[in-house]
Amino acid sequence: MAVRAGGCRATHVARLRVVPSVQRHAYHEYVRVRAPGGSCARVPLKPGQTFGALASRGERARQEDAVSYACVMLPCEQLRQSIVDATPRGQTRDPWFGWSCMEAGGPDLGAQVVWFACFDGHGGASVSQRLAARLHAVFEAAEPDMVTDTVRYMRSLGGYFRRYTGGVLERWVRKDRLGRAATYEAPQRYASLSALAASSEAAPERALEHYVALDGDEAPGARHTERIAPPDEMRGKELTLKERATLAWLMMDREIQQNEAYEGAGSTASVVLVHSLDKPAAPWYASQYVSLTTVHLGDTRFVLCPVQDGRAVPLTTFHHPDDPVEAERLSRLGAGVVTDSFGENRWMGTLANTRAFGDADAKRFGVTPEPDVSTHLLRGADVAFVVGFSDGISDVASDQEIVDLCCGAAHPQEAARRVLRYAENLGTVDNATVVCVPLAGWGRARNEDSTRARRKERLSKVDLYRDRRK
């Protein structure tokens, strides 16, 4: 992997502080590492070099998928607490138990978290591109005093959110500042997304507030988050990773809903965060111990490949109407699920995903931007790689097929190329994106390629069909 020389500062403030009217960022597209001689170097976050990433437009008129990658800087205490929370009770002998930024080489090294994300836009590319450009920055800059105003906005949407008190963020909410609950509106079934939009047009018009999540983003006349101090009992406490992610996702969704540029558009989002627990911290692909956190919305996907047997381990689920958790969440609204002419289940007869950014017309009917967040503490050598992909891949290839294709590759970029080529050969028509992130077990998976015969058979049938059309 490519490494560039670069200095490490002796000190670094890992917790982002906000000065009036300007929010500063610390994220960057490289990872600092300590070289054997004690000097510092930078490992670039670059597709084709240190990880794999490829995309295809397919047969669509435009590319609506997007990817992003960055190294974000998070508060050391927050990272330490996330490790404690993810450690099974009583497991005090794990190598990462007692981790601290200082043992990792100081905040400049220990506070680094590597971000890899895959977005699948719909209704245009505006939302997925905005998320790729800014979501990691909002995630890094999120602060507890942004919670109450964000939750208050969600309540103003009415319907599903009319009595919303913050979900996982509730402990940070000043309930005396939320205001009254909005009027309830029962959901209906719609024949199309345009019919859903038309129902919104018939409702009383609300002026857009032109909200922008980060104060530092240049947007004359934009509204920003009102800073409201959390309850007194929360003073001095840190957001958890789950709370930080949820707050950032809600803030970005508000920005998308409240600006004309994103009207009628939306996007899924799947993010994997890799945090080295080595002492000192090492690059993600060489770390012996890692914290792996997924933040997920919609039907983009991340799958893990263990070295032991190479069997695909899903890290995310599909937020579809027939998912048991989603069905339970939405059951009290009463609109139900409709199966379309292609055999796919649709919420309210129109919506494939029950969680998404954007889709402003459907928010009051239960389409939420709240992500699923989970953290796993792993030995890096036990994991070959993590692979993410959009539904242009998952619609035609199984998790195990994708993992088997990656296992035979010499480099993560070649792995991404194999997966994309396979999906294209099978005739995928949708935008297709693949992100392959190597961990310390890269190239050592004891994989039997259990899907080889199946892949060969599937490709032969496609070739036969094409031959008959000549």
Protein backbone atom coordinates (compact mmCIF):
# COMPACT_ATOMS: atom_id res chain seq x y z
CA MET A 1 0.00 0.00 0.00
CA ALA A 2 1.26 3.49 -0.84
CA VAL A 3 2.69 5.54 2.04
CA ARG A 4 3.73 9.17 1.91
CA ALA A 5 6.06 10.93 4.30
CA GLY A 6 4.37 13.53 6.45
CA GLY A 7 4.73 15.11 9.84
CA CYS A 8 2.58 14.39 12.87
CA ARG A 9 1.78 17.24 15.15
CA ALA A 10 2.78 16.79 18.76
CA THR A 11 -0.69 17.68 19.93
CA HIS A 12 -4.11 17.70 18.35
CA VAL A 13 -7.53 18.65 19.65
CA ALA A 14 -9.58 15.59 18.70
CA ARG A 15 -12.87 16.99 19.96
CA LEU A 16 -14.19 19.49 17.43
CA ARG A 17 -15.02 22.85 18.93
CA VAL A 18 -17.24 25.33 17.16
CA VAL A 19 -16.38 29.01 17.09
CA PRO A 20 -19.16 31.50 16.35
CA SER A 21 -20.55 31.29 12.78
CA VAL A 22 -17.82 28.91 11.53
CA GLN A 23 -17.51 25.15 11.94
CA ARG A 24 -14.03 23.80 11.38
CA HIS A 25 -13.29 20.35 10.12
CA ALA A 26 -10.42 17.98 10.74
CA TYR A 27 -11.28 15.23 8.25
CA HIS A 28 -8.80 14.44 5.48
CA GLU A 29 -8.15 11.91 2.69
CA TYR A 30 -5.20 10.17 4.31
CA VAL A 31 -4.42 8.27 7.51
CA ARG A 32 -1.52 9.24 9.75
CA VAL A 33 0.72 6.38 10.88
CA ARG A 34 3.85 6.11 13.02
CA ALA A 35 6.80 4.77 11.07
CA PRO A 36 9.23 2.27 12.71
CA GLY A 37 11.84 4.99 13.24
CA GLY A 38 9.36 7.15 15.13
CA SER A 39 8.61 9.60 12.33
CA CYS A 40 5.13 10.01 10.86
CA ALA A 41 3.81 9.14 7.43
CA ARG A 42 0.53 9.48 5.57
CA VAL A 43 -1.30 6.61 3.91
CA PRO A 44 -3.52 8.06 1.15
CA LEU A 45 -7.17 7.09 0.96
CA LYS A 46 -7.20 6.48 -2.77
CA PRO A 47 -9.34 3.99 -4.72
CA GLY A 48 -7.21 1.65 -6.77
CA GLN A 49 -4.33 1.96 -4.32
CA THR A 50 -5.36 1.39 -0.70
CA PHE A 51 -8.87 0.08 -1.33
CA GLY A 52 -11.06 -0.83 -4.31
CA ALA A 53 -13.96 1.16 -5.75
CA LEU A 54 -15.69 1.04 -9.13
CA ALA A 55 -19.06 2.12 -10.53
CA SER A 56 -21.10 1.62 -13.69
CA ARG A 57 -24.07 3.58 -15.04
CA GLY A 58 -25.58 0.37 -16.38
CA GLU A 59 -28.41 1.04 -18.79
CA ARG A 60 -29.66 4.07 -16.88
CA ALA A 61 -29.60 7.51 -18.46
CA ARG A 62 -27.51 8.89 -15.58
CA GLN A 63 -25.34 7.78 -12.71
CA GLU A 64 -27.16 8.24 -9.39
CA ASP A 65 -24.86 6.12 -7.21
CA ALA A 66 -21.99 7.77 -5.33
CA VAL A 67 -19.17 6.82 -2.97
CA SER A 68 -17.20 8.76 -0.37
CA TYR A 69 -14.13 8.07 1.73
CA ALA A 70 -12.39 10.13 4.39
CA CYS A 71 -10.56 9.95 7.68
CA VAL A 72 -12.69 11.71 10.29
CA MET A 73 -11.47 12.81 13.71
CA LEU A 74 -13.70 11.99 16.68
CA PRO A 75 -13.44 12.74 20.42
CA CYS A 76 -11.11 10.29 22.16
CA GLU A 77 -13.47 9.73 25.09
CA GLN A 78 -16.33 8.96 22.72
CA LEU A 79 -14.23 6.33 20.95
CA ARG A 80 -13.11 4.84 24.25
CA GLN A 81 -16.69 4.59 25.48
CA SER A 82 -17.85 2.99 22.21
CA ILE A 83 -15.28 0.23 22.76
CA VAL A 84 -16.49 -0.29 26.33
CA ASP A 85 -20.11 -0.44 25.16
CA ALA A 86 -19.30 -2.98 22.43
CA THR A 87 -17.26 -5.25 24.74
CA PRO A 88 -19.28 -8.17 26.19
CA ARG A 89 -19.72 -7.85 29.92
CA GLY A 90 -16.89 -9.47 31.82
CA GLN A 91 -14.51 -9.65 28.83
CA THR A 92 -11.69 -7.69 30.48
CA ARG A 93 -8.87 -9.73 28.92
CA ASP A 94 -9.55 -8.71 25.33
CA PRO A 95 -6.51 -6.93 23.82
CA TRP A 96 -8.52 -3.76 23.23
CA PHE A 97 -9.82 -3.53 26.80
CA GLY A 98 -8.60 -0.31 28.37
CA TRP A 99 -7.80 1.32 25.00
CA SER A 100 -7.04 5.04 25.09
CA CYS A 101 -5.92 7.64 22.59
CA MET A 102 -2.63 8.11 24.42
CA GLU A 103 -1.77 4.41 24.15
CA ALA A 104 -2.66 4.62 20.44
CA GLY A 105 0.03 7.26 19.92
CA GLY A 106 -1.85 10.39 20.98
CA PRO A 107 -5.03 12.00 19.64
CA ASP A 108 -3.40 12.71 16.28
CA LEU A 109 -3.31 8.94 15.62
CA GLY A 110 -5.86 7.43 17.99
CA ALA A 111 -8.78 9.70 17.11
CA GLN A 112 -8.72 8.73 13.43
CA VAL A 113 -11.70 6.80 12.08
CA VAL A 114 -11.72 5.76 8.42
CA TRP A 115 -15.02 6.29 6.60
CA PHE A 116 -16.14 4.33 3.52
CA ALA A 117 -19.63 4.97 2.14
CA CYS A 118 -21.90 3.85 -0.68
CA PHE A 119 -24.99 5.84 -1.74
CA ASP A 120 -27.75 4.89 -4.17
CA GLY A 121 -29.75 7.90 -5.31
CA HIS A 122 -33.21 7.95 -6.87
CA GLY A 123 -35.10 10.73 -8.59
CA GLY A 124 -31.80 12.21 -9.74
CA ALA A 125 -28.22 12.35 -8.51
CA SER A 126 -28.49 15.54 -6.44
CA VAL A 127 -29.03 13.87 -3.04
CA SER A 128 -26.45 11.09 -3.38
CA GLN A 129 -23.84 13.57 -4.58
CA ARG A 130 -24.57 15.96 -1.71
CA LEU A 131 -24.28 13.11 0.79
CA ALA A 132 -20.98 11.99 -0.72
CA ALA A 133 -19.65 15.53 -0.42
CA ARG A 134 -20.92 16.51 3.04
CA LEU A 135 -22.30 13.68 5.19
CA HIS A 136 -18.91 12.78 6.70
CA ALA A 137 -18.32 16.44 7.57
CA VAL A 138 -21.68 16.71 9.36
CA PHE A 139 -20.98 13.42 11.17
CA GLU A 140 -17.65 14.79 12.40
CA ALA A 141 -19.05 18.18 13.45
CA ALA A 142 -22.24 17.00 15.23
CA GLU A 143 -22.57 18.36 18.78
CA PRO A 144 -25.07 17.75 21.62
CA ASP A 145 -26.47 21.29 21.47
CA MET A 146 -27.73 20.57 17.93
CA VAL A 147 -30.11 17.83 19.08
CA THR A 148 -33.13 19.72 20.38
CA ASP A 149 -33.60 21.94 17.32
CA THR A 150 -33.18 18.92 15.04
CA VAL A 151 -35.79 16.89 16.92
CA ARG A 152 -38.13 19.89 16.98
CA TYR A 153 -37.90 20.08 13.19
CA MET A 154 -38.70 16.38 12.82
CA ARG A 155 -41.84 16.85 14.94
CA SER A 156 -42.93 19.67 12.63
CA LEU A 157 -43.24 17.15 9.77
CA GLY A 158 -46.32 15.74 11.47
CA GLY A 159 -47.79 12.31 10.79
CA TYR A 160 -45.37 9.58 11.86
CA PHE A 161 -43.11 12.15 13.57
CA ARG A 162 -45.77 14.27 15.24
CA ARG A 163 -44.83 13.04 18.75
CA TYR A 164 -41.18 12.31 18.00
CA THR A 165 -38.92 12.84 21.01
CA GLY A 166 -35.59 11.92 19.45
CA GLY A 167 -35.41 8.13 19.59
CA VAL A 168 -31.83 7.26 20.58
CA LEU A 169 -31.19 11.00 21.04
CA GLU A 170 -33.92 11.51 23.63
CA ARG A 171 -31.60 11.94 26.62
CA TRP A 172 -30.12 15.06 24.94
CA VAL A 173 -33.48 16.71 24.19
CA ARG A 174 -34.79 19.73 26.08
CA LYS A 175 -38.43 18.70 26.02
CA ASP A 176 -39.56 22.12 27.23
CA ARG A 177 -38.32 23.51 23.89
CA LEU A 178 -40.09 21.07 21.58
CA GLY A 179 -43.50 22.71 21.32
CA ARG A 180 -46.85 20.99 20.74
CA ALA A 181 -47.25 17.82 18.69
CA ALA A 182 -48.41 18.28 15.09
CA THR A 183 -51.83 17.10 13.88
CA TYR A 184 -52.04 13.42 12.93
CA GLU A 185 -52.66 12.47 9.30
CA ALA A 186 -53.51 8.87 8.47
CA PRO A 187 -51.52 7.39 5.56
CA GLN A 188 -53.17 6.20 2.35
CA ARG A 189 -52.16 4.04 -0.57
CA TYR A 190 -50.96 5.71 -3.74
CA ALA A 191 -50.70 4.38 -7.28
CA SER A 192 -47.38 6.12 -7.92
CA LEU A 193 -44.80 8.46 -6.45
CA SER A 194 -46.30 11.25 -8.54
CA ALA A 195 -49.67 10.63 -6.85
CA LEU A 196 -47.94 10.81 -3.47
CA ALA A 197 -46.32 14.09 -4.49
CA ALA A 198 -49.65 15.42 -5.71
CA SER A 199 -51.19 14.77 -2.30
CA SER A 200 -48.49 16.92 -0.78
CA GLU A 201 -49.11 19.70 -3.27
CA ALA A 202 -52.75 19.74 -2.18
CA ALA A 203 -51.70 20.27 1.43
CA PRO A 204 -51.10 23.81 2.78
CA GLU A 205 -47.77 25.01 1.38
CA ARG A 206 -44.86 25.39 3.81
CA ALA A 207 -42.10 27.82 2.91
CA LEU A 208 -38.70 26.17 2.65
CA GLU A 209 -36.29 27.35 5.34
CA HIS A 210 -33.21 26.75 3.13
CA TYR A 211 -31.48 25.03 6.00
CA VAL A 212 -27.80 24.10 5.71
CA ALA A 213 -26.40 21.66 8.26
CA LEU A 214 -22.96 23.23 8.70
CA ASP A 215 -22.49 26.90 9.54
CA GLY A 216 -19.26 27.05 7.55
CA ASP A 217 -20.92 26.07 4.25
CA GLU A 218 -21.32 29.15 2.09
CA ALA A 219 -25.03 29.69 1.59
CA PRO A 220 -26.18 33.32 1.87
CA GLY A 221 -29.46 33.60 3.72
CA ALA A 222 -29.43 29.97 4.84
CA ARG A 223 -30.82 28.88 8.19
CA HIS A 224 -28.59 26.85 10.49
CA THR A 225 -29.20 24.72 13.55
CA GLU A 226 -30.27 26.66 16.61
CA ARG A 227 -27.89 25.80 19.43
CA ILE A 228 -29.86 24.76 22.53
CA ALA A 229 -27.98 23.53 25.57
CA PRO A 230 -28.88 19.93 26.57
CA PRO A 231 -30.48 19.14 29.93
CA ASP A 232 -28.29 20.00 32.91
CA GLU A 233 -27.79 16.33 33.81
CA MET A 234 -26.03 15.76 30.45
CA ARG A 235 -23.37 18.39 31.06
CA GLY A 236 -19.87 17.03 30.40
CA LYS A 237 -21.09 13.85 28.69
CA GLU A 238 -20.29 12.70 25.16
CA LEU A 239 -22.50 11.59 22.30
CA THR A 240 -22.20 7.88 21.58
CA LEU A 241 -21.31 6.83 18.04
CA LYS A 242 -24.92 5.78 17.51
CA GLU A 243 -26.19 9.14 18.73
CA ARG A 244 -23.66 11.05 16.61
CA ALA A 245 -24.63 9.12 13.48
CA THR A 246 -28.36 9.54 14.10
CA LEU A 247 -27.99 13.29 14.67
CA ALA A 248 -25.88 13.71 11.52
CA TRP A 249 -28.35 11.69 9.42
CA LEU A 250 -31.31 13.76 10.68
CA MET A 251 -29.49 17.03 10.03
CA MET A 252 -28.54 16.08 6.48
CA ASP A 253 -32.08 14.89 5.77
CA ARG A 254 -33.39 18.25 6.94
CA GLU A 255 -31.00 20.02 4.55
CA ILE A 256 -32.21 17.86 1.68
CA GLN A 257 -35.89 18.42 2.47
CA GLN A 258 -35.54 22.17 2.89
CA ASN A 259 -33.81 23.11 -0.38
CA GLU A 260 -35.33 23.16 -3.88
CA ALA A 261 -32.24 21.57 -5.44
CA TYR A 262 -33.20 18.18 -3.96
CA GLU A 263 -36.94 18.23 -4.61
CA GLY A 264 -38.31 14.82 -5.62
CA ALA A 265 -34.98 13.07 -4.98
CA GLY A 266 -33.64 10.76 -2.31
CA SER A 267 -30.88 8.28 -1.52
CA THR A 268 -29.89 5.30 0.55
CA ALA A 269 -26.64 5.34 2.54
CA SER A 270 -24.43 2.59 3.90
CA VAL A 271 -21.27 3.57 5.78
CA VAL A 272 -18.57 1.46 7.41
CA LEU A 273 -16.29 3.11 9.98
CA VAL A 274 -12.95 1.41 10.70
CA HIS A 275 -11.08 2.42 13.86
CA SER A 276 -7.66 0.91 14.63
CA LEU A 277 -7.32 -0.33 18.22
CA ASP A 278 -3.61 -1.10 17.88
CA LYS A 279 -1.04 0.51 20.18
CA PRO A 280 0.14 2.57 18.36
CA ALA A 281 -2.64 2.93 15.79
CA ALA A 282 -1.98 1.28 12.41
CA PRO A 283 -3.60 1.67 8.97
CA TRP A 284 -6.96 -0.09 8.66
CA TYR A 285 -5.53 -2.77 6.35
CA ALA A 286 -2.76 -3.70 8.81
CA SER A 287 -4.47 -3.26 12.20
CA GLN A 288 -4.44 -6.36 14.38
CA TYR A 289 -7.48 -5.10 16.28
CA VAL A 290 -10.28 -2.96 14.85
CA SER A 291 -13.63 -1.51 15.76
CA LEU A 292 -15.99 -1.86 12.81
CA THR A 293 -19.16 0.25 12.88
CA THR A 294 -21.87 0.22 10.22
CA VAL A 295 -24.34 3.08 9.79
CA HIS A 296 -27.05 2.02 7.40
CA LEU A 297 -30.15 3.39 5.65
CA GLY A 298 -32.02 1.70 2.80
CA ASP A 299 -30.86 -1.19 0.61
CA THR A 300 -27.23 -0.48 -0.16
CA ARG A 301 -25.20 -3.13 1.64
CA PHE A 302 -21.98 -4.12 3.42
CA VAL A 303 -20.83 -7.73 3.82
CA LEU A 304 -17.83 -9.09 5.75
CA CYS A 305 -15.59 -11.99 4.71
CA PRO A 306 -14.05 -13.96 7.62
CA VAL A 307 -10.68 -15.62 7.05
CA GLN A 308 -11.77 -18.86 8.72
CA ASP A 309 -14.23 -20.04 6.06
CA GLY A 310 -14.91 -17.19 3.64
CA ARG A 311 -18.65 -17.33 4.25
CA ALA A 312 -20.41 -14.01 3.67
CA VAL A 313 -21.52 -12.26 6.87
CA PRO A 314 -24.08 -9.47 6.25
CA LEU A 315 -23.40 -6.31 8.26
CA THR A 316 -26.60 -4.59 7.13
CA THR A 317 -30.20 -5.49 6.36
CA PHE A 318 -32.56 -4.29 3.65
CA HIS A 319 -34.91 -1.56 4.84
CA HIS A 320 -37.79 -2.88 2.75
CA PRO A 321 -41.48 -3.07 3.69
CA ASP A 322 -41.33 -6.86 4.16
CA ASP A 323 -38.45 -6.71 6.65
CA PRO A 324 -39.90 -7.87 10.02
CA VAL A 325 -38.44 -4.92 11.96
CA GLU A 326 -39.67 -2.40 9.42
CA ALA A 327 -43.08 -4.07 9.16
CA GLU A 328 -43.46 -3.85 12.94
CA ARG A 329 -42.33 -0.21 13.01
CA LEU A 330 -44.83 0.82 10.36
CA SER A 331 -47.73 -1.47 11.33
CA ARG A 332 -49.41 1.11 13.54
CA LEU A 333 -49.78 3.50 10.60
CA GLY A 334 -52.15 1.13 8.84
CA ALA A 335 -51.30 1.80 5.18
CA GLY A 336 -49.93 -1.67 4.55
CA VAL A 337 -47.71 -3.23 1.90
CA VAL A 338 -48.65 -3.71 -1.76
CA THR A 339 -46.91 -6.12 -4.16
CA ASP A 340 -46.30 -4.51 -7.55
CA SER A 341 -46.37 -6.15 -11.00
CA PHE A 342 -42.69 -7.13 -10.66
CA GLY A 343 -43.34 -9.00 -7.41
CA GLU A 344 -41.67 -6.35 -5.25
CA ASN A 345 -43.23 -5.14 -2.01
CA ARG A 346 -43.98 -1.42 -1.79
CA TRP A 347 -44.90 0.62 1.27
CA MET A 348 -48.14 2.52 0.58
CA GLY A 349 -48.00 0.97 -2.89
CA THR A 350 -45.08 3.13 -4.11
CA LEU A 351 -42.00 3.05 -1.88
CA ALA A 352 -39.33 0.34 -2.11
CA ASN A 353 -37.31 1.63 0.87
CA THR A 354 -38.81 2.46 4.23
CA ARG A 355 -35.72 4.39 5.36
CA ALA A 356 -34.02 6.95 3.14
CA PHE A 357 -32.66 10.45 2.81
CA GLY A 358 -34.97 12.85 1.00
CA ASP A 359 -38.37 11.60 -0.25
CA ALA A 360 -39.85 14.58 1.58
CA ASP A 361 -43.43 13.77 0.55
CA ALA A 362 -43.23 10.40 2.33
CA LYS A 363 -41.61 11.46 5.61
CA ARG A 364 -44.86 12.02 7.46
CA PHE A 365 -45.91 8.52 6.42
CA GLY A 366 -43.02 6.80 8.19
CA VAL A 367 -40.07 6.91 5.76
CA THR A 368 -37.38 7.80 8.28
CA PRO A 369 -33.76 8.94 7.98
CA GLU A 370 -32.86 7.28 11.29
CA PRO A 371 -30.07 4.75 10.58
CA ASP A 372 -29.33 1.32 11.98
CA VAL A 373 -25.97 1.48 13.79
CA SER A 374 -23.94 -1.48 15.04
CA THR A 375 -20.36 -1.89 16.26
CA HIS A 376 -18.19 -5.02 16.19
CA LEU A 377 -14.77 -5.44 17.85
CA LEU A 378 -12.63 -7.74 15.72
CA ARG A 379 -9.17 -9.14 15.26
CA GLY A 380 -8.05 -7.71 11.95
CA ALA A 381 -6.28 -10.92 10.91
CA ASP A 382 -9.60 -12.78 11.24
CA VAL A 383 -11.25 -10.66 8.54
CA ALA A 384 -10.16 -10.62 4.90
CA PHE A 385 -12.23 -7.65 3.76
CA VAL A 386 -15.51 -5.78 3.91
CA VAL A 387 -17.33 -5.17 0.63
CA GLY A 388 -20.11 -2.64 0.03
CA PHE A 389 -22.39 -2.41 -2.98
CA SER A 390 -25.57 -0.86 -4.33
CA ASP A 391 -28.68 -2.71 -5.47
CA GLY A 392 -27.44 -2.76 -9.04
CA ILE A 393 -25.18 -5.52 -7.71
CA SER A 394 -27.38 -7.14 -5.05
CA ASP A 395 -30.36 -7.42 -7.41
CA VAL A 396 -28.46 -9.93 -9.57
CA ALA A 397 -25.76 -11.42 -7.29
CA SER A 398 -25.94 -13.06 -3.86
CA ASP A 399 -23.74 -12.04 -0.92
CA GLN A 400 -21.76 -15.27 -1.24
CA GLU A 401 -21.20 -14.85 -4.96
CA ILE A 402 -19.80 -11.38 -4.32
CA VAL A 403 -17.51 -12.60 -1.54
CA ASP A 404 -16.27 -15.54 -3.63
CA LEU A 405 -15.43 -13.23 -6.51
CA CYS A 406 -13.46 -10.93 -4.21
CA CYS A 407 -11.53 -13.76 -2.54
CA GLY A 408 -9.77 -14.73 -5.76
CA ALA A 409 -8.48 -11.21 -6.46
CA ALA A 410 -4.89 -10.06 -5.93
CA HIS A 411 -5.90 -6.48 -5.06
CA PRO A 412 -9.10 -4.86 -3.74
CA GLN A 413 -9.47 -2.93 -7.01
CA GLU A 414 -9.40 -6.18 -8.94
CA ALA A 415 -11.99 -7.56 -6.52
CA ALA A 416 -14.30 -4.61 -7.25
CA ARG A 417 -13.73 -5.10 -10.99
CA ARG A 418 -14.65 -8.80 -10.81
CA VAL A 419 -17.91 -8.09 -8.97
CA LEU A 420 -18.90 -5.28 -11.31
CA ARG A 421 -18.08 -7.31 -14.42
CA TYR A 422 -20.10 -10.27 -13.14
CA ALA A 423 -23.16 -8.09 -12.49
CA GLU A 424 -22.86 -6.51 -15.92
CA ASN A 425 -22.53 -9.91 -17.59
CA LEU A 426 -25.68 -11.04 -15.82
CA GLY A 427 -27.48 -8.09 -17.38
CA THR A 428 -27.96 -5.65 -14.51
CA VAL A 429 -29.64 -2.53 -15.85
CA ASP A 430 -29.35 -0.36 -12.73
CA ASN A 431 -26.46 1.80 -11.60
CA ALA A 432 -23.94 -0.50 -9.92
CA THR A 433 -21.25 0.40 -7.38
CA VAL A 434 -18.71 -1.71 -5.44
CA VAL A 435 -16.37 -0.69 -2.59
CA CYS A 436 -13.86 -3.29 -1.32
CA VAL A 437 -12.05 -2.47 1.95
CA PRO A 438 -9.14 -4.81 2.85
CA LEU A 439 -8.35 -5.69 6.46
CA ALA A 440 -5.33 -7.48 7.91
CA GLY A 441 -6.56 -10.89 6.74
CA TRP A 442 -6.62 -9.85 3.08
CA GLY A 443 -5.57 -12.68 0.76
CA ARG A 444 -5.73 -15.35 3.48
CA ALA A 445 -9.40 -16.35 3.44
CA ARG A 446 -9.84 -20.13 3.38
CA ASN A 447 -12.51 -19.84 0.77
CA GLU A 448 -13.71 -22.83 -1.27
CA ASP A 449 -15.50 -20.69 -3.87
CA SER A 450 -18.75 -22.50 -3.22
CA THR A 451 -20.60 -20.50 -5.87
CA ARG A 452 -18.23 -21.17 -8.78
CA ALA A 453 -20.49 -23.75 -10.47
CA ARG A 454 -23.58 -21.61 -9.92
CA ARG A 455 -21.91 -18.54 -11.41
CA LYS A 456 -20.77 -20.52 -14.44
CA GLU A 457 -24.27 -21.89 -14.98
CA ARG A 458 -25.90 -18.49 -14.65
CA LEU A 459 -23.49 -16.91 -17.11
CA SER A 460 -23.98 -19.74 -19.60
CA LYS A 461 -27.74 -19.16 -19.58
CA VAL A 462 -27.24 -15.48 -20.20
CA ASP A 463 -24.87 -16.26 -23.08
CA LEU A 464 -27.33 -18.76 -24.53
CA TYR A 465 -30.10 -16.16 -24.47
CA ARG A 466 -27.85 -13.63 -26.17
CA ASP A 467 -26.83 -16.18 -28.83
CA ARG A 468 -30.47 -16.88 -29.67
CA ARG A 469 -31.13 -13.18 -30.23
CA LYS A 470 -28.46 -12.96 -32.98
